Amino acid sequence: MAFLVKERTNAQYKITVKYEDGSPVPKADVSSFKVTLFNLDDDAQTILNSRSAQEQAPGFTGAITMGTIDGLVTFNLQPADNQIVAGSPNPHVRYERHRLIYDVTANGKRLVHQDELLVENTETVTS
């Protein structure tokens, strides 16, 4: 299921990063945590807010934080993360699809989480 967010707003996206056995990944196990965010609805797959394999570990400072032992990752989405980019804005599109990817290395294992963000066009939609 996609995560719904209004364009150019703040939002909070949370997941728990887990190993294959279902146990949460402690922050101390993470050697790399890369975030990518791009537009699925244009051929160029435009990167949003410079988040192209943006490294977060080990500090997790800024918009993305990780719990010490529970694997809980909180991404405080900024307005620049939730902008409509396939037009200026495109008055015929109600939603734009963005892809969020977490590429995590923990204890030598690669764990990948991806989700679709549906960014709602808050401009007047015309037919």
Protein backbone atom coordinates (compact mmCIF):
# COMPACT_ATOMS: atom_id res chain seq x y z
CA MET A 1 0.00 0.00 0.00
CA ALA A 2 1.27 3.46 -0.88
CA PHE A 3 1.92 6.23 1.62
CA LEU A 4 -0.24 9.30 0.93
CA VAL A 5 1.18 12.81 1.42
CA LYS A 6 0.11 16.26 0.25
CA GLU A 7 2.59 18.09 -1.95
CA ARG A 8 5.01 20.56 -0.35
CA THR A 9 4.07 19.60 3.21
CA ASN A 10 5.87 18.02 6.16
CA ALA A 11 5.01 14.39 6.84
CA GLN A 12 6.40 11.53 8.90
CA TYR A 13 7.13 8.13 7.34
CA LYS A 14 8.00 5.29 9.76
CA ILE A 15 9.07 1.68 9.28
CA THR A 16 10.88 -0.93 11.32
CA VAL A 17 13.95 -2.34 9.59
CA LYS A 18 14.13 -6.09 10.21
CA TYR A 19 16.42 -8.99 9.43
CA GLU A 20 15.08 -11.88 7.34
CA ASP A 21 14.09 -13.70 10.54
CA GLY A 22 11.83 -10.80 11.57
CA SER A 23 14.01 -9.44 14.36
CA PRO A 24 14.58 -5.67 14.42
CA VAL A 25 17.94 -4.33 13.26
CA PRO A 26 19.73 -2.44 16.06
CA LYS A 27 21.32 0.83 15.01
CA ALA A 28 24.77 -0.41 16.07
CA ASP A 29 24.55 -3.19 13.42
CA VAL A 30 24.09 -0.69 10.57
CA SER A 31 27.23 0.15 8.60
CA SER A 32 25.42 1.79 5.68
CA PHE A 33 21.93 3.25 5.26
CA LYS A 34 21.30 4.89 1.89
CA VAL A 35 18.12 6.74 0.98
CA THR A 36 16.91 7.32 -2.56
CA LEU A 37 13.75 9.23 -3.46
CA PHE A 38 12.66 9.75 -7.06
CA ASN A 39 9.67 10.41 -9.28
CA LEU A 40 8.17 7.34 -10.94
CA ASP A 41 5.94 9.38 -13.24
CA ASP A 42 8.57 10.86 -15.54
CA ASP A 43 10.98 9.11 -17.87
CA ALA A 44 13.96 10.81 -16.23
CA GLN A 45 13.00 9.48 -12.78
CA THR A 46 13.83 12.87 -11.29
CA ILE A 47 15.63 12.69 -7.94
CA LEU A 48 13.88 14.60 -5.17
CA ASN A 49 15.69 16.81 -2.67
CA SER A 50 19.14 15.42 -3.63
CA ARG A 51 18.23 12.04 -2.13
CA SER A 52 20.16 9.76 -4.47
CA ALA A 53 21.84 7.02 -2.41
CA GLN A 54 22.18 9.63 0.34
CA GLU A 55 24.15 8.04 3.22
CA GLN A 56 22.62 8.32 6.71
CA ALA A 57 24.73 5.95 8.83
CA PRO A 58 26.23 6.00 11.31
CA GLY A 59 25.01 9.33 12.64
CA PHE A 60 21.40 9.50 11.39
CA THR A 61 21.32 13.25 11.84
CA GLY A 62 18.82 15.44 10.08
CA ALA A 63 15.54 14.25 8.60
CA ILE A 64 16.11 10.51 9.12
CA THR A 65 16.57 8.93 12.54
CA MET A 66 16.86 5.34 13.73
CA GLY A 67 16.04 3.88 17.12
CA THR A 68 18.91 2.39 19.10
CA ILE A 69 17.58 -1.17 19.43
CA ASP A 70 14.08 -1.36 17.91
CA GLY A 71 14.96 -0.81 14.22
CA LEU A 72 12.43 2.03 13.99
CA VAL A 73 13.36 4.45 11.22
CA THR A 74 11.59 7.79 11.09
CA PHE A 75 11.85 9.94 7.99
CA ASN A 76 10.62 13.48 8.62
CA LEU A 77 9.71 14.33 5.04
CA GLN A 78 10.38 17.95 4.13
CA PRO A 79 8.34 20.00 1.62
CA ALA A 80 11.18 19.49 -0.92
CA ASP A 81 10.74 15.70 -0.55
CA ASN A 82 7.05 15.99 -1.45
CA GLN A 83 7.07 18.26 -4.45
CA ILE A 84 5.30 17.63 -7.73
CA VAL A 85 8.04 17.56 -10.36
CA ALA A 86 6.42 16.22 -13.56
CA GLY A 87 5.10 19.62 -14.55
CA SER A 88 4.86 23.01 -13.02
CA PRO A 89 2.55 21.62 -11.59
CA ASN A 90 0.60 19.47 -14.01
CA PRO A 91 -3.02 20.64 -13.66
CA HIS A 92 -4.37 17.34 -15.02
CA VAL A 93 -2.80 15.00 -12.48
CA ARG A 94 -4.24 14.45 -9.02
CA TYR A 95 -1.34 12.32 -7.73
CA GLU A 96 2.32 11.86 -8.61
CA ARG A 97 4.03 8.61 -7.67
CA HIS A 98 7.42 8.74 -5.93
CA ARG A 99 9.62 5.77 -5.00
CA LEU A 100 11.40 5.68 -1.63
CA ILE A 101 14.23 3.17 -1.25
CA TYR A 102 16.20 2.34 1.88
CA ASP A 103 19.33 0.31 1.05
CA VAL A 104 20.70 -0.95 4.37
CA THR A 105 23.82 -2.93 5.19
CA ALA A 106 23.73 -4.50 8.66
CA ASN A 107 26.13 -7.19 9.89
CA GLY A 108 27.28 -7.70 6.31
CA LYS A 109 23.73 -8.34 5.06
CA ARG A 110 22.00 -6.16 2.50
CA LEU A 111 18.41 -5.29 3.35
CA VAL A 112 16.31 -3.25 0.92
CA HIS A 113 12.99 -1.58 1.69
CA GLN A 114 11.01 0.28 -0.93
CA ASP A 115 7.65 1.96 -0.93
CA GLU A 116 5.58 4.19 -3.14
CA LEU A 117 4.62 7.65 -1.97
CA LEU A 118 1.49 9.12 -3.54
CA VAL A 119 1.96 12.87 -3.56
CA GLU A 120 -1.35 14.66 -3.83
CA ASN A 121 -1.45 17.65 -6.16
CA THR A 122 -2.95 20.40 -4.02
CA GLU A 123 -3.40 22.78 -6.96
CA THR A 124 -6.80 22.87 -8.64
CA VAL A 125 -7.08 19.75 -10.82
CA THR A 126 -8.73 20.38 -14.18
CA SER A 127 -9.90 17.93 -16.81
